[in-house]
Protein backbone atom coordinates (compact mmCIF):
# COMPACT_ATOMS: atom_id res chain seq x y z
CA UNK A 1 -64.08 -8.53 110.23
CA UNK A 2 -63.44 -12.22 110.94
CA UNK A 3 -60.21 -13.83 109.76
CA UNK A 4 -59.94 -17.46 108.68
CA UNK A 5 -58.32 -18.04 112.07
CA UNK A 6 -61.60 -17.00 113.76
CA UNK A 7 -63.76 -19.12 111.49
CA UNK A 8 -61.67 -22.25 111.98
CA UNK A 9 -61.54 -21.98 115.74
CA UNK A 10 -65.32 -21.50 115.95
CA UNK A 11 -66.00 -24.60 113.84
CA UNK A 12 -65.31 -28.05 115.33
CA UNK A 13 -65.07 -29.75 111.93
CA UNK A 14 -61.60 -31.10 111.13
CA UNK A 15 -60.03 -32.31 107.89
CA UNK A 16 -56.96 -34.57 107.79
CA UNK A 17 -54.72 -34.84 104.73
CA UNK A 18 -51.78 -37.19 104.29
CA UNK A 19 -48.85 -35.37 102.67
CA UNK A 20 -45.41 -36.70 101.76
CA UNK A 21 -44.29 -35.51 105.19
CA UNK A 22 -47.14 -36.96 107.19
CA UNK A 23 -50.63 -35.95 108.20
CA UNK A 24 -51.79 -32.37 108.57
CA UNK A 25 -55.06 -31.41 110.24
CA UNK A 26 -57.08 -28.43 109.03
CA UNK A 27 -60.58 -27.14 109.55
CA UNK A 28 -63.60 -25.76 107.73
CA UNK A 29 -64.32 -22.09 107.11
CA UNK A 30 -67.84 -20.77 107.54
CA UNK A 31 -68.59 -21.45 103.87
CA UNK A 32 -67.34 -25.03 104.11
CA UNK A 33 -63.96 -24.53 102.45
CA UNK A 34 -61.24 -26.78 103.86
CA UNK A 35 -58.43 -24.62 105.27
CA UNK A 36 -54.91 -25.39 106.48
CA UNK A 37 -52.87 -22.51 107.93
CA UNK A 38 -49.09 -22.31 108.26
CA UNK A 39 -47.97 -25.66 106.86
CA UNK A 40 -44.14 -25.56 106.73
CA UNK A 41 -42.65 -26.00 103.26
CA UNK A 42 -38.97 -25.69 104.26
CA UNK A 43 -36.73 -26.06 107.29
CA UNK A 44 -36.44 -23.05 109.61
CA UNK A 45 -33.99 -20.77 107.81
CA UNK A 46 -30.64 -19.50 109.00
CA UNK A 47 -30.62 -15.70 108.82
CA UNK A 48 -29.21 -14.38 105.51
CA UNK A 49 -28.90 -17.90 104.06
CA UNK A 50 -30.68 -19.85 101.35
CA UNK A 51 -33.76 -21.88 102.31
CA UNK A 52 -33.47 -25.64 102.73
CA UNK A 53 -36.08 -28.12 101.46
CA UNK A 54 -37.76 -30.44 103.91
CA UNK A 55 -35.77 -33.71 103.88
CA UNK A 56 -37.61 -36.76 102.57
CA UNK A 57 -37.73 -38.21 106.09
CA UNK A 58 -39.09 -35.00 107.66
CA UNK A 59 -42.41 -35.52 109.44
CA UNK A 60 -44.94 -32.94 110.57
CA UNK A 61 -45.76 -33.14 114.30
CA UNK A 62 -48.35 -35.84 114.87
CA UNK A 63 -51.80 -34.50 115.70
CA UNK A 64 -50.91 -30.84 115.13
CA UNK A 65 -53.82 -28.73 113.93
CA UNK A 66 -53.02 -26.06 111.33
CA UNK A 67 -55.76 -23.63 112.25
CA UNK A 68 -54.15 -20.49 113.60
CA UNK A 69 -52.55 -17.27 112.39
CA UNK A 70 -49.65 -17.64 114.80
CA UNK A 71 -46.85 -15.81 112.98
CA UNK A 72 -45.76 -13.41 110.27
CA UNK A 73 -42.36 -12.36 108.98
CA UNK A 74 -40.40 -9.75 110.90
CA UNK A 75 -40.81 -6.46 109.05
CA UNK A 76 -40.50 -2.72 109.59
CA UNK A 77 -43.69 -0.79 110.39
CA UNK A 78 -43.18 2.18 108.05
CA UNK A 79 -45.56 0.95 105.36
CA UNK A 80 -47.06 4.16 104.00
CA UNK A 81 -49.31 2.30 101.57
CA UNK A 82 -51.07 0.47 104.41
CA UNK A 83 -51.88 3.55 106.44
CA UNK A 84 -55.40 3.18 107.79
CA UNK A 85 -55.35 -0.63 107.62
CA UNK A 86 -55.33 -2.36 111.02
CA UNK A 87 -52.00 -4.14 111.41
CA UNK A 88 -53.70 -7.46 112.20
CA UNK A 89 -55.63 -7.23 108.93
CA UNK A 90 -52.31 -6.84 107.08
CA UNK A 91 -50.29 -9.61 108.76
CA UNK A 92 -52.67 -11.72 110.86
CA UNK A 93 -52.98 -12.21 114.59
CA UNK A 94 -49.62 -13.79 115.32
CA UNK A 95 -46.18 -12.68 116.41
CA UNK A 96 -43.18 -11.82 114.23
CA UNK A 97 -40.77 -14.58 113.27
CA UNK A 98 -37.71 -15.10 111.11
CA UNK A 99 -39.30 -18.34 109.92
CA UNK A 100 -42.28 -17.43 107.70
CA UNK A 101 -41.55 -20.40 105.43
CA UNK A 102 -45.04 -21.82 105.51
CA UNK A 103 -48.11 -21.70 103.33
CA UNK A 104 -51.87 -21.55 103.68
CA UNK A 105 -54.01 -23.93 101.62
CA UNK A 106 -57.72 -23.53 100.92
CA UNK A 107 -59.74 -26.25 99.17
CA UNK A 108 -63.33 -26.01 97.86
CA UNK A 109 -66.15 -27.08 100.19
CA UNK A 110 -66.61 -30.26 98.16
CA UNK A 111 -63.09 -31.42 99.03
CA UNK A 112 -62.91 -34.65 100.97
CA UNK A 113 -59.58 -36.40 101.62
CA UNK A 114 -59.16 -39.85 100.06
CA UNK A 115 -56.97 -42.70 101.21
CA UNK A 116 -55.79 -43.63 97.72
CA UNK A 117 -53.33 -41.07 96.27
CA UNK A 118 -54.57 -39.61 93.00
CA UNK A 119 -58.13 -40.87 93.47
CA UNK A 120 -59.64 -37.50 94.38
CA UNK A 121 -61.03 -35.07 91.84
CA UNK A 122 -58.31 -32.70 90.69
CA UNK A 123 -59.01 -28.99 91.04
CA UNK A 124 -57.08 -26.17 89.35
CA UNK A 125 -54.48 -24.62 91.65
CA UNK A 126 -53.74 -20.92 92.11
CA UNK A 127 -50.70 -19.91 94.14
CA UNK A 128 -50.67 -16.33 95.42
CA UNK A 129 -47.63 -14.24 96.39
CA UNK A 130 -48.59 -11.26 98.54
CA UNK A 131 -47.37 -7.72 97.91
CA UNK A 132 -45.80 -5.05 100.09
CA UNK A 133 -42.72 -3.71 98.27
CA UNK A 134 -40.90 -6.93 99.36
CA UNK A 135 -40.75 -5.23 102.78
CA UNK A 136 -44.18 -5.79 104.28
CA UNK A 137 -47.19 -8.11 104.40
CA UNK A 138 -48.15 -11.71 105.10
CA UNK A 139 -50.16 -14.61 103.63
CA UNK A 140 -52.62 -13.88 106.44
CA UNK A 141 -53.53 -10.48 104.99
CA UNK A 142 -57.30 -10.24 105.14
CA UNK A 143 -57.71 -9.09 101.54
CA UNK A 144 -55.96 -12.24 100.31
CA UNK A 145 -57.96 -14.82 102.27
CA UNK A 146 -59.41 -16.99 99.55
CA UNK A 147 -62.20 -19.15 100.96
CA UNK A 148 -64.82 -17.43 98.81
CA UNK A 149 -63.03 -17.56 95.46
CA UNK A 150 -62.02 -21.17 96.14
CA UNK A 151 -65.66 -22.12 96.70
CA UNK A 152 -67.03 -20.16 93.74
CA UNK A 153 -64.56 -21.45 91.14
CA UNK A 154 -63.67 -24.87 92.63
CA UNK A 155 -59.99 -24.02 92.91
CA UNK A 156 -57.33 -24.97 95.41
CA UNK A 157 -55.78 -21.74 96.62
CA UNK A 158 -52.29 -21.50 98.12
CA UNK A 159 -50.82 -18.39 99.77
CA UNK A 160 -47.09 -18.55 100.49
CA UNK A 161 -44.97 -16.81 103.09
CA UNK A 162 -41.44 -15.62 102.42
CA UNK A 163 -38.74 -13.53 104.08
CA UNK A 164 -39.04 -9.76 103.71
CA UNK A 165 -36.96 -6.60 103.93
CA UNK A 166 -33.38 -7.17 105.11
CA UNK A 167 -34.19 -10.75 106.15
CA UNK A 168 -35.16 -11.60 102.59
CA UNK A 169 -32.96 -9.35 100.48
CA UNK A 170 -29.77 -8.17 102.21
CA UNK A 171 -26.87 -8.62 99.78
CA UNK A 172 -23.17 -7.80 99.61
CA UNK A 173 -20.04 -8.97 97.85
CA UNK A 174 -17.95 -8.69 101.01
CA UNK A 175 -18.82 -10.62 103.06
CA UNK A 176 -20.48 -12.88 100.52
CA UNK A 177 -24.25 -12.48 100.84
CA UNK A 178 -26.04 -13.67 97.71
CA UNK A 179 -29.35 -12.04 98.64
CA UNK A 180 -32.64 -12.95 96.94
CA UNK A 181 -33.53 -15.17 99.89
CA UNK A 182 -37.18 -14.19 99.65
CA UNK A 183 -37.38 -15.21 95.98
CA UNK A 184 -35.63 -18.48 96.75
CA UNK A 185 -38.15 -19.09 99.56
CA UNK A 186 -40.93 -18.69 97.02
CA UNK A 187 -39.29 -21.16 94.66
CA UNK A 188 -38.95 -23.81 97.38
CA UNK A 189 -42.64 -23.27 98.18
CA UNK A 190 -43.56 -23.88 94.53
CA UNK A 191 -41.60 -27.13 94.56
CA UNK A 192 -43.38 -28.20 97.76
CA UNK A 193 -46.72 -27.54 96.07
CA UNK A 194 -45.73 -29.65 93.07
CA UNK A 195 -44.89 -32.59 95.32
CA UNK A 196 -47.83 -32.32 97.72
CA UNK A 197 -50.80 -30.51 96.23
CA UNK A 198 -52.42 -33.65 94.83
CA UNK A 199 -53.07 -34.70 98.44
CA UNK A 200 -55.32 -31.63 98.66
CA UNK A 201 -57.07 -32.57 95.38
CA UNK A 202 -55.03 -30.00 93.47
CA UNK A 203 -53.89 -30.72 89.92
CA UNK A 204 -50.09 -30.20 89.70
CA UNK A 205 -50.45 -29.92 85.91
CA UNK A 206 -52.87 -26.98 86.19
CA UNK A 207 -51.12 -24.45 88.40
CA UNK A 208 -51.34 -20.68 88.02
CA UNK A 209 -48.87 -18.45 89.86
CA UNK A 210 -50.20 -14.99 90.63
CA UNK A 211 -49.04 -11.99 92.59
CA UNK A 212 -50.01 -8.43 93.39
CA UNK A 213 -47.51 -5.55 93.43
CA UNK A 214 -44.30 -6.97 94.93
CA UNK A 215 -45.93 -10.35 94.44
CA UNK A 216 -46.18 -9.60 90.72
CA UNK A 217 -42.54 -8.50 90.72
CA UNK A 218 -41.76 -11.85 92.37
CA UNK A 219 -43.68 -13.71 89.67
CA UNK A 220 -41.61 -11.91 87.02
CA UNK A 221 -38.43 -12.85 88.86
CA UNK A 222 -39.58 -16.47 88.98
CA UNK A 223 -40.48 -16.46 85.27
CA UNK A 224 -36.94 -15.35 84.49
CA UNK A 225 -35.55 -18.08 86.74
CA UNK A 226 -37.69 -20.67 84.95
CA UNK A 227 -36.51 -19.41 81.55
CA UNK A 228 -32.89 -20.24 82.47
CA UNK A 229 -33.50 -23.65 84.01
CA UNK A 230 -31.70 -26.64 82.43
CA UNK A 231 -33.19 -27.86 79.14
CA UNK A 232 -34.89 -30.90 80.70
CA UNK A 233 -36.43 -29.01 83.63
CA UNK A 234 -40.13 -28.20 83.83
CA UNK A 235 -41.80 -25.22 85.39
CA UNK A 236 -43.76 -25.89 88.62
CA UNK A 237 -46.62 -23.80 87.20
CA UNK A 238 -48.23 -23.47 83.78
CA UNK A 239 -49.68 -19.96 83.81
CA UNK A 240 -48.87 -16.66 85.51
CA UNK A 241 -50.80 -13.52 86.44
CA UNK A 242 -48.90 -10.33 87.29
CA UNK A 243 -51.07 -7.69 88.92
CA UNK A 244 -49.64 -4.16 88.88
CA UNK A 245 -45.88 -4.67 88.85
CA UNK A 246 -42.95 -6.12 86.90
CA UNK A 247 -39.20 -5.74 86.39
CA UNK A 248 -38.04 -2.82 84.24
CA UNK A 249 -34.25 -2.68 84.79
CA UNK A 250 -31.61 -5.17 85.90
CA UNK A 251 -31.29 -5.18 89.69
CA UNK A 252 -28.12 -4.05 91.41
CA UNK A 253 -25.21 -6.42 91.99
CA UNK A 254 -24.02 -7.51 95.46
CA UNK A 255 -21.02 -5.19 95.10
CA UNK A 256 -23.36 -2.28 94.33
CA UNK A 257 -25.36 -3.21 97.44
CA UNK A 258 -22.30 -3.30 99.70
CA UNK A 259 -22.95 0.32 100.87
CA UNK A 260 -26.39 -0.74 102.11
CA UNK A 261 -24.79 -3.60 104.05
CA UNK A 262 -22.27 -1.13 105.52
CA UNK A 263 -25.08 1.24 106.48
CA UNK A 264 -26.90 -1.55 108.32
CA UNK A 265 -23.75 -2.59 110.17
CA UNK A 266 -22.92 0.95 111.23
CA UNK A 267 -26.48 1.55 112.39
CA UNK A 268 -25.98 -1.55 114.55
CA UNK A 269 -22.69 -0.06 115.83
CA UNK A 270 -20.76 -2.85 114.10
CA UNK A 271 -17.66 -2.60 111.91
CA UNK A 272 -18.63 -3.97 108.45
CA UNK A 273 -15.00 -4.91 107.79
CA UNK A 274 -14.57 -7.24 110.76
CA UNK A 275 -13.59 -10.78 109.69
CA UNK A 276 -16.47 -12.29 111.67
CA UNK A 277 -19.10 -9.70 110.72
CA UNK A 278 -21.28 -12.20 108.86
CA UNK A 279 -21.56 -14.66 111.74
CA UNK A 280 -22.16 -11.72 114.07
CA UNK A 281 -25.14 -10.25 112.19
CA UNK A 282 -26.53 -13.75 111.55
CA UNK A 283 -26.77 -14.46 115.27
CA UNK A 284 -30.16 -13.41 116.72
CA UNK A 285 -28.66 -13.48 120.20
CA UNK A 286 -26.26 -10.69 119.19
CA UNK A 287 -28.42 -8.78 116.72
CA UNK A 288 -32.14 -9.01 117.45
CA UNK A 289 -34.53 -9.09 114.50
CA UNK A 290 -36.61 -6.41 116.19
CA UNK A 291 -33.56 -4.11 116.30
CA UNK A 292 -33.01 -4.50 112.54
CA UNK A 293 -36.65 -3.58 111.93
CA UNK A 294 -36.46 -0.59 114.26
CA UNK A 295 -33.38 0.80 112.48
CA UNK A 296 -35.00 0.44 109.08
CA UNK A 297 -38.33 2.03 110.01
CA UNK A 298 -36.62 5.01 111.66
CA UNK A 299 -34.36 5.58 108.61
CA UNK A 300 -31.26 5.02 110.74
CA UNK A 301 -29.58 3.49 107.68
CA UNK A 302 -30.31 6.57 105.58
CA UNK A 303 -33.39 6.99 103.43
CA UNK A 304 -31.76 5.61 100.28
CA UNK A 305 -30.74 2.39 102.10
CA UNK A 306 -34.02 1.65 103.84
CA UNK A 307 -35.56 -0.59 101.16
CA UNK A 308 -34.12 -4.03 100.39
CA UNK A 309 -34.59 -5.48 96.92
CA UNK A 310 -33.42 -8.36 94.74
CA UNK A 311 -29.98 -8.44 93.15
CA UNK A 312 -28.04 -9.96 90.24
CA UNK A 313 -26.10 -12.66 92.09
CA UNK A 314 -24.99 -14.34 88.82
CA UNK A 315 -25.10 -17.93 90.03
CA UNK A 316 -27.91 -19.01 92.36
CA UNK A 317 -30.82 -16.86 91.20
CA UNK A 318 -30.37 -14.21 88.49
CA UNK A 319 -27.73 -14.30 85.75
CA UNK A 320 -25.65 -11.23 84.91
CA UNK A 321 -25.18 -11.93 81.21
CA UNK A 322 -27.17 -11.39 79.19
CA UNK A 323 -28.84 -9.05 81.64
CA UNK A 324 -32.48 -9.67 82.50
CA UNK A 325 -33.97 -7.10 80.13
CA UNK A 326 -31.71 -7.97 77.17
CA UNK A 327 -32.66 -11.61 77.67
CA UNK A 328 -36.34 -10.69 77.75
CA UNK A 329 -36.17 -8.51 74.62
CA UNK A 330 -34.26 -11.15 72.68
CA UNK A 331 -37.19 -13.58 72.65
CA UNK A 332 -35.17 -16.29 74.39
CA UNK A 333 -37.08 -15.56 77.59
CA UNK A 334 -40.43 -16.31 75.94
CA UNK A 335 -39.20 -19.30 73.93
CA UNK A 336 -37.70 -20.95 76.98
CA UNK A 337 -40.86 -20.40 79.02
CA UNK A 338 -42.75 -22.34 76.36
CA UNK A 339 -40.16 -25.14 76.37
CA UNK A 340 -40.47 -25.47 80.13
CA UNK A 341 -44.24 -25.71 80.10
CA UNK A 342 -45.49 -22.18 80.79
CA UNK A 343 -48.55 -21.71 78.58
CA UNK A 344 -49.67 -18.11 79.22
CA UNK A 345 -49.01 -14.86 81.06
CA UNK A 346 -51.60 -12.30 82.15
CA UNK A 347 -50.46 -8.83 83.17
CA UNK A 348 -52.17 -5.52 83.82
CA UNK A 349 -52.64 -2.35 85.82
CA UNK A 350 -55.18 0.13 87.18
CA UNK A 351 -55.83 3.57 85.77
CA UNK A 352 -54.83 5.54 88.89
CA UNK A 353 -51.94 3.56 90.34
CA UNK A 354 -50.20 6.83 91.18
CA UNK A 355 -52.16 7.59 94.36
CA UNK A 356 -50.99 4.67 96.49
CA UNK A 357 -47.43 5.09 95.24
CA UNK A 358 -47.55 8.75 96.20
CA UNK A 359 -47.94 7.78 99.87
CA UNK A 360 -45.46 4.89 99.83
CA UNK A 361 -42.71 7.07 101.33
CA UNK A 362 -42.84 10.41 103.16
CA UNK A 363 -42.52 13.29 100.68
CA UNK A 364 -42.48 16.93 101.81
CA UNK A 365 -40.16 18.71 99.41
CA UNK A 366 -38.86 18.19 95.87
CA UNK A 367 -35.56 16.96 97.32
CA UNK A 368 -37.43 14.06 98.99
CA UNK A 369 -38.46 12.74 95.57
CA UNK A 370 -34.93 11.98 94.40
CA UNK A 371 -33.69 10.39 97.60
CA UNK A 372 -36.75 8.16 97.88
CA UNK A 373 -36.50 7.05 94.24
CA UNK A 374 -32.95 5.98 95.08
CA UNK A 375 -34.47 3.36 97.38
CA UNK A 376 -35.42 1.48 94.22
CA UNK A 377 -33.17 2.66 91.38
CA UNK A 378 -29.47 3.52 90.83
CA UNK A 379 -28.50 7.18 91.17
CA UNK A 380 -27.74 7.61 87.45
CA UNK A 381 -31.08 6.06 86.55
CA UNK A 382 -32.94 8.43 88.88
CA UNK A 383 -31.24 11.39 87.21
CA UNK A 384 -32.50 10.23 83.81
CA UNK A 385 -35.97 9.53 85.14
CA UNK A 386 -36.35 12.98 86.67
CA UNK A 387 -35.61 14.63 83.30
CA UNK A 388 -38.62 12.86 81.77
CA UNK A 389 -41.10 14.67 84.04
CA UNK A 390 -42.26 18.18 84.80
CA UNK A 391 -39.85 20.33 86.79
CA UNK A 392 -41.20 21.69 90.05
CA UNK A 393 -40.66 25.36 90.79
CA UNK A 394 -39.44 26.85 94.05
CA UNK A 395 -43.05 27.55 94.97
CA UNK A 396 -44.06 23.87 94.65
CA UNK A 397 -46.37 22.73 97.42
CA UNK A 398 -46.08 19.49 99.34
CA UNK A 399 -49.11 18.31 97.39
CA UNK A 400 -47.26 19.02 94.12
CA UNK A 401 -44.25 17.04 95.31
CA UNK A 402 -46.32 14.09 96.50
CA UNK A 403 -48.19 13.91 93.21
CA UNK A 404 -45.01 14.00 91.12
CA UNK A 405 -43.45 11.26 93.24
CA UNK A 406 -46.58 9.13 92.77
CA UNK A 407 -46.55 9.68 89.02
CA UNK A 408 -42.89 8.73 88.65
CA UNK A 409 -42.90 5.74 90.97
CA UNK A 410 -46.12 4.27 89.56
CA UNK A 411 -44.83 4.68 86.00
CA UNK A 412 -41.61 2.83 86.74
CA UNK A 413 -43.03 0.24 89.13
CA UNK A 414 -46.19 -0.51 87.15
CA UNK A 415 -47.29 1.27 83.98
CA UNK A 416 -44.07 1.00 81.99
CA UNK A 417 -42.93 -2.47 83.17
CA UNK A 418 -46.27 -4.15 82.41
CA UNK A 419 -46.30 -2.71 78.88
CA UNK A 420 -42.69 -3.65 78.19
CA UNK A 421 -43.23 -7.22 79.37
CA UNK A 422 -46.41 -7.55 77.31
CA UNK A 423 -44.61 -6.12 74.27
CA UNK A 424 -41.64 -8.48 74.60
CA UNK A 425 -43.84 -11.55 75.01
CA UNK A 426 -46.14 -10.50 72.18
CA UNK A 427 -43.24 -9.93 69.79
CA UNK A 428 -42.01 -13.46 70.52
CA UNK A 429 -45.44 -14.93 69.76
CA UNK A 430 -46.00 -15.98 73.37
CA UNK A 431 -49.62 -16.16 74.63
CA UNK A 432 -50.02 -12.97 76.67
CA UNK A 433 -53.15 -11.16 77.82
CA UNK A 434 -53.07 -7.61 79.12
CA UNK A 435 -55.86 -6.07 81.17
CA UNK A 436 -56.75 -2.64 82.51
CA UNK A 437 -59.02 -1.92 85.47
CA UNK A 438 -60.79 1.47 85.60
CA UNK A 439 -63.38 0.53 88.26
CA UNK A 440 -62.95 -0.86 91.75
CA UNK A 441 -65.44 -0.97 94.65
CA UNK A 442 -66.16 2.61 95.63
CA UNK A 443 -66.16 1.92 99.36
CA UNK A 444 -62.57 0.65 99.20
CA UNK A 445 -61.12 3.57 97.29
CA UNK A 446 -59.09 6.18 99.22
CA UNK A 447 -60.20 9.75 99.76
CA UNK A 448 -60.55 11.24 96.31
CA UNK A 449 -62.15 8.10 94.91
CA UNK A 450 -59.05 6.93 93.03
CA UNK A 451 -59.01 3.55 91.27
CA UNK A 452 -55.59 2.94 92.69
CA UNK A 453 -53.00 0.28 93.40
CA UNK A 454 -54.34 -2.74 95.28
CA UNK A 455 -57.98 -1.68 95.33
CA UNK A 456 -58.66 -4.44 92.79
CA UNK A 457 -57.65 -7.12 95.29
CA UNK A 458 -61.26 -7.33 96.48
CA UNK A 459 -62.17 -8.48 92.96
CA UNK A 460 -59.32 -10.92 92.36
CA UNK A 461 -59.89 -12.60 95.73
CA UNK A 462 -63.69 -12.33 95.58
CA UNK A 463 -63.87 -10.86 99.07
CA UNK A 464 -67.63 -11.28 99.48
CA UNK A 465 -67.83 -9.78 103.01
CA UNK A 466 -66.24 -6.57 101.69
CA UNK A 467 -68.49 -6.20 98.64
CA UNK A 468 -72.06 -5.17 97.92
CA UNK A 469 -74.20 -7.89 96.23
CA UNK A 470 -73.96 -6.31 92.77
CA UNK A 471 -70.19 -5.91 93.22
CA UNK A 472 -69.90 -9.59 94.05
CA UNK A 473 -71.63 -10.48 90.81
CA UNK A 474 -69.37 -8.15 88.82
CA UNK A 475 -66.28 -9.66 90.45
CA UNK A 476 -67.49 -13.14 89.46
CA UNK A 477 -68.08 -12.00 85.89
CA UNK A 478 -64.60 -10.43 85.74
CA UNK A 479 -62.85 -13.52 87.09
CA UNK A 480 -64.78 -15.84 84.79
CA UNK A 481 -64.02 -13.64 81.79
CA UNK A 482 -60.29 -13.65 82.57
CA UNK A 483 -60.35 -17.44 83.05
CA UNK A 484 -62.19 -17.94 79.76
CA UNK A 485 -59.85 -15.61 77.88
CA UNK A 486 -56.82 -17.46 79.24
CA UNK A 487 -58.24 -20.84 78.23
CA UNK A 488 -58.80 -19.57 74.69
CA UNK A 489 -55.38 -17.96 74.62
CA UNK A 490 -53.69 -21.21 75.60
CA UNK A 491 -55.80 -23.14 73.09
CA UNK A 492 -54.72 -20.77 70.30
CA UNK A 493 -51.10 -20.87 71.42
CA UNK A 494 -50.61 -17.16 70.68
CA UNK A 495 -52.41 -13.86 71.08
CA UNK A 496 -54.82 -12.77 68.38
CA UNK A 497 -54.89 -9.25 69.83
CA UNK A 498 -52.46 -6.42 69.17
CA UNK A 499 -50.01 -5.53 71.93
CA UNK A 500 -51.93 -2.27 72.43
CA UNK A 501 -55.25 -3.98 73.20
CA UNK A 502 -56.39 -4.58 76.77
CA UNK A 503 -59.24 -6.49 78.36
CA UNK A 504 -60.79 -3.55 80.17
CA UNK A 505 -63.06 -3.34 83.19
CA UNK A 506 -64.36 0.16 82.47
CA UNK A 507 -65.61 2.95 84.68
CA UNK A 508 -69.11 1.97 83.57
CA UNK A 509 -68.46 -1.59 84.85
CA UNK A 510 -68.53 -3.03 81.33
CA UNK A 511 -65.92 -5.60 80.34
CA UNK A 512 -64.64 -5.44 76.77
CA UNK A 513 -61.53 -5.30 74.63
CA UNK A 514 -60.26 -1.75 74.13
CA UNK A 515 -57.29 0.22 72.86
CA UNK A 516 -54.71 1.20 75.47
CA UNK A 517 -55.10 4.98 75.56
CA UNK A 518 -51.94 5.42 77.66
CA UNK A 519 -49.60 3.33 75.49
CA UNK A 520 -47.74 6.21 73.85
CA UNK A 521 -47.59 8.29 77.02
CA UNK A 522 -46.01 5.50 79.05
CA UNK A 523 -43.85 3.89 76.36
CA UNK A 524 -42.08 7.19 75.63
CA UNK A 525 -40.12 6.49 78.82
CA UNK A 526 -38.28 3.49 77.36
CA UNK A 527 -35.86 5.71 75.46
CA UNK A 528 -33.76 6.25 78.58
CA UNK A 529 -33.37 2.50 79.10
CA UNK A 530 -30.21 0.79 77.94
CA UNK A 531 -30.78 -1.36 74.86
CA UNK A 532 -34.19 0.10 74.03
CA UNK A 533 -34.89 1.55 70.60
CA UNK A 534 -38.43 2.82 71.20
């Protein structure tokens, strides 16, 4: 199937926009949408360092055309969830780079650049953060190419790149590695959009931030960051949509992540205690990015150290006290979002998330379940989690083990976190809408026909080439209904629904408000969380 890259190169039409950093040249997709690929939003990053904004006097290369999928972030290739998906359809046509700090912008077909700033019609803006466990993926992923949804709803769509895996999330207290580089990349991208999107006819006062899976986790991280900004600061977006993921426990600290740093160093045959170890692993001439990826994907670090996540750095990104979940439960999180201009949050899940999570990591025996859960959660937390589920007998089959792993991981990555976030926002009187999807396009479901994680992306992105005509119409109805519900929610200033009600796309393809039938089953798990009373 054609990528935007193919459509732009086969169309001679060009579109020139004057940004704060000079002119950028894009093209037209087959449906007429104006498209700009890989516009830099930050300076090329130094490995394991915070991103740097483009200086005011920075200028894009004169005459450069932003038409090609030329790069994607270096990443390991052990993405179990993407098995069966051509690699180019996941990351684009380009080559790996340690500088994925660019974004793709898609404007409706009616967009025409104007010479007078602010004179163009202002379209709503939706900024998308791709998923992939924070380890995989790219803004060029075919499922997230937004020319069709941009045209249908007259929206400016932005898809941002960020650093992944070790490049985005390696952390340690010694040497000092703050981590969270990928989240900080995303934040710098949001600030770039605020300063420049009006040149693309986007309204900087009508911005929605949305993400799928790890992208939704990122949105939750960013919401927490916004909630602790200085009193006078304003959020660079006004609404958020979290699709199938959220935070459920405070991340580890850099000191708790030191063993992962040590494991990486030793896999590289380096002494983690050397005084110059940081400058050594930061130097691509000494440690190749491809070597880091190879060690991760072959589990040379050890299974429990093969996944890199965010951390509580306590100064540049996430505060340690009060911890993230205490802060959220207290109501201060919601109140401060309102003060900083966030008007609504949408969050939801699918009915059979478990299937894609069951194949996220290789599971053969019951012992594999625990060690792979430790990729994401502390050892003591995994022990508590395991006690909440059925115990497998000695005669358990591989299929039994895979299913239990999928049930546990999907509960703690998706089903429980989305309900806890909705509950905490609802209790604080914040405008929150929760949805549930029980139908996705049959041809894009895995063997077994499961309505599973990520299969709703064809709806959210209105991927017309991947849908049958009647599915296209249903996707349009779903998206319009969500947009209309959000508008009413923001107008009311609070939710008129109970926290147990969901806007449901049912198995019968009907869209209606319904009771969450899984609320009690999933919320029983909170009792093992610190600070929870229910």
